[in-house]
Amino acid sequence: MKYNKKVFQSLSLISQFGITMLVPIFLCSIVGWYIDEKIGTSYWFVVLFFVGALAGFRNIYILARKIYQDKDEDEER
């Protein structure tokens, strides 16, 4: 059975997008929860959650831009 290389490349790219988005959200949320527990506030979790979401979107934008630039360079050759 012959496997299509493009399918596996697409699956790895989708996984990379997911990880790139979720890791900053997760880490910022944990830090926000920790700060809220230590200080006794209730808003740092929400603030840092959105900071993590913005960082995740920025990472995906940079990754997508890099992928499309590489494709354009390959097509020019």
C-alpha atoms as a PDB file:
ATOM      1  CA  MET A   1       0.000   0.000   0.000  1.00  0.00           C
ATOM      2  CA  LYS A   2       1.510   3.298  -1.103  1.00  0.00           C
ATOM      3  CA  TYR A   3       1.081   6.282   1.215  1.00  0.00           C
ATOM      4  CA  ASN A   4       0.649   9.772  -0.106  1.00  0.00           C
ATOM      5  CA  LYS A   5       3.377  12.032   1.279  1.00  0.00           C
ATOM      6  CA  LYS A   6       1.186  15.145   0.981  1.00  0.00           C
ATOM      7  CA  VAL A   7      -1.430  13.685   3.338  1.00  0.00           C
ATOM      8  CA  PHE A   8       1.120  13.155   6.102  1.00  0.00           C
ATOM      9  CA  GLN A   9       2.608  16.607   5.537  1.00  0.00           C
ATOM     10  CA  SER A  10      -0.862  18.148   5.828  1.00  0.00           C
ATOM     11  CA  LEU A  11      -1.624  16.233   9.021  1.00  0.00           C
ATOM     12  CA  SER A  12       1.656  17.300  10.595  1.00  0.00           C
ATOM     13  CA  LEU A  13       0.983  20.920   9.605  1.00  0.00           C
ATOM     14  CA  ILE A  14      -2.484  20.829  11.194  1.00  0.00           C
ATOM     15  CA  SER A  15      -0.994  19.336  14.366  1.00  0.00           C
ATOM     16  CA  GLN A  16       1.689  22.006  14.424  1.00  0.00           C
ATOM     17  CA  PHE A  17      -0.942  24.750  14.117  1.00  0.00           C
ATOM     18  CA  GLY A  18      -2.878  23.264  17.043  1.00  0.00           C
ATOM     19  CA  ILE A  19       0.137  22.937  19.292  1.00  0.00           C
ATOM     20  CA  THR A  20       1.356  26.410  18.345  1.00  0.00           C
ATOM     21  CA  MET A  21      -2.003  27.840  19.376  1.00  0.00           C
ATOM     22  CA  LEU A  22      -2.665  25.851  22.540  1.00  0.00           C
ATOM     23  CA  VAL A  23       0.705  25.991  24.307  1.00  0.00           C
ATOM     24  CA  PRO A  24       0.773  29.790  24.884  1.00  0.00           C
ATOM     25  CA  ILE A  25      -2.863  29.768  26.010  1.00  0.00           C
ATOM     26  CA  PHE A  26      -2.216  26.923  28.417  1.00  0.00           C
ATOM     27  CA  LEU A  27       0.958  28.411  29.869  1.00  0.00           C
ATOM     28  CA  CYS A  28      -0.469  31.913  30.294  1.00  0.00           C
ATOM     29  CA  SER A  29      -3.629  30.507  31.879  1.00  0.00           C
ATOM     30  CA  ILE A  30      -1.625  28.484  34.399  1.00  0.00           C
ATOM     31  CA  VAL A  31       0.477  31.536  35.292  1.00  0.00           C
ATOM     32  CA  GLY A  32      -2.691  33.640  35.645  1.00  0.00           C
ATOM     33  CA  TRP A  33      -4.319  31.046  37.864  1.00  0.00           C
ATOM     34  CA  TYR A  34      -1.172  30.865  40.016  1.00  0.00           C
ATOM     35  CA  ILE A  35      -1.033  34.653  40.403  1.00  0.00           C
ATOM     36  CA  ASP A  36      -4.739  34.761  41.290  1.00  0.00           C
ATOM     37  CA  GLU A  37      -4.247  32.102  43.960  1.00  0.00           C
ATOM     38  CA  LYS A  38      -1.222  33.835  45.481  1.00  0.00           C
ATOM     39  CA  ILE A  39      -2.578  37.400  45.445  1.00  0.00           C
ATOM     40  CA  GLY A  40      -6.254  36.573  46.001  1.00  0.00           C
ATOM     41  CA  THR A  41      -7.550  38.320  42.886  1.00  0.00           C
ATOM     42  CA  SER A  42      -9.815  36.965  40.194  1.00  0.00           C
ATOM     43  CA  TYR A  43      -8.901  38.761  36.982  1.00  0.00           C
ATOM     44  CA  TRP A  44      -5.300  37.771  36.151  1.00  0.00           C
ATOM     45  CA  PHE A  45      -6.431  34.410  34.799  1.00  0.00           C
ATOM     46  CA  VAL A  46      -8.702  36.090  32.251  1.00  0.00           C
ATOM     47  CA  VAL A  47      -6.159  38.749  31.303  1.00  0.00           C
ATOM     48  CA  LEU A  48      -3.354  36.256  30.781  1.00  0.00           C
ATOM     49  CA  PHE A  49      -5.690  33.871  28.943  1.00  0.00           C
ATOM     50  CA  PHE A  50      -6.278  36.562  26.326  1.00  0.00           C
ATOM     51  CA  VAL A  51      -2.576  37.401  26.232  1.00  0.00           C
ATOM     52  CA  GLY A  52      -1.899  33.723  25.520  1.00  0.00           C
ATOM     53  CA  ALA A  53      -4.566  33.682  22.809  1.00  0.00           C
ATOM     54  CA  LEU A  54      -3.013  36.720  21.147  1.00  0.00           C
ATOM     55  CA  ALA A  55       0.426  35.117  21.341  1.00  0.00           C
ATOM     56  CA  GLY A  56      -0.970  31.925  19.808  1.00  0.00           C
ATOM     57  CA  PHE A  57      -2.589  33.798  16.932  1.00  0.00           C
ATOM     58  CA  ARG A  58       0.660  35.690  16.351  1.00  0.00           C
ATOM     59  CA  ASN A  59       2.611  32.416  16.241  1.00  0.00           C
ATOM     60  CA  ILE A  60       0.169  30.917  13.746  1.00  0.00           C
ATOM     61  CA  TYR A  61       0.366  34.031  11.568  1.00  0.00           C
ATOM     62  CA  ILE A  62       4.167  33.855  11.512  1.00  0.00           C
ATOM     63  CA  LEU A  63       4.117  30.115  10.778  1.00  0.00           C
ATOM     64  CA  ALA A  64       1.584  30.479   7.963  1.00  0.00           C
ATOM     65  CA  ARG A  65       3.482  33.377   6.430  1.00  0.00           C
ATOM     66  CA  LYS A  66       6.695  31.341   6.497  1.00  0.00           C
ATOM     67  CA  ILE A  67       4.990  28.361   4.857  1.00  0.00           C
ATOM     68  CA  TYR A  68       3.528  30.461   2.058  1.00  0.00           C
ATOM     69  CA  GLN A  69       6.842  32.231   1.450  1.00  0.00           C
ATOM     70  CA  ASP A  70       8.564  28.842   1.140  1.00  0.00           C
ATOM     71  CA  LYS A  71       5.894  27.673  -1.343  1.00  0.00           C
ATOM     72  CA  ASP A  72       6.302  30.813  -3.452  1.00  0.00           C
ATOM     73  CA  GLU A  73      10.071  30.335  -3.572  1.00  0.00           C
ATOM     74  CA  ASP A  74       9.653  26.688  -4.615  1.00  0.00           C
ATOM     75  CA  GLU A  75       7.248  27.634  -7.415  1.00  0.00           C
ATOM     76  CA  GLU A  76       9.642  30.273  -8.781  1.00  0.00           C
ATOM     77  CA  ARG A  77      12.399  27.699  -9.255  1.00  0.00           C
END
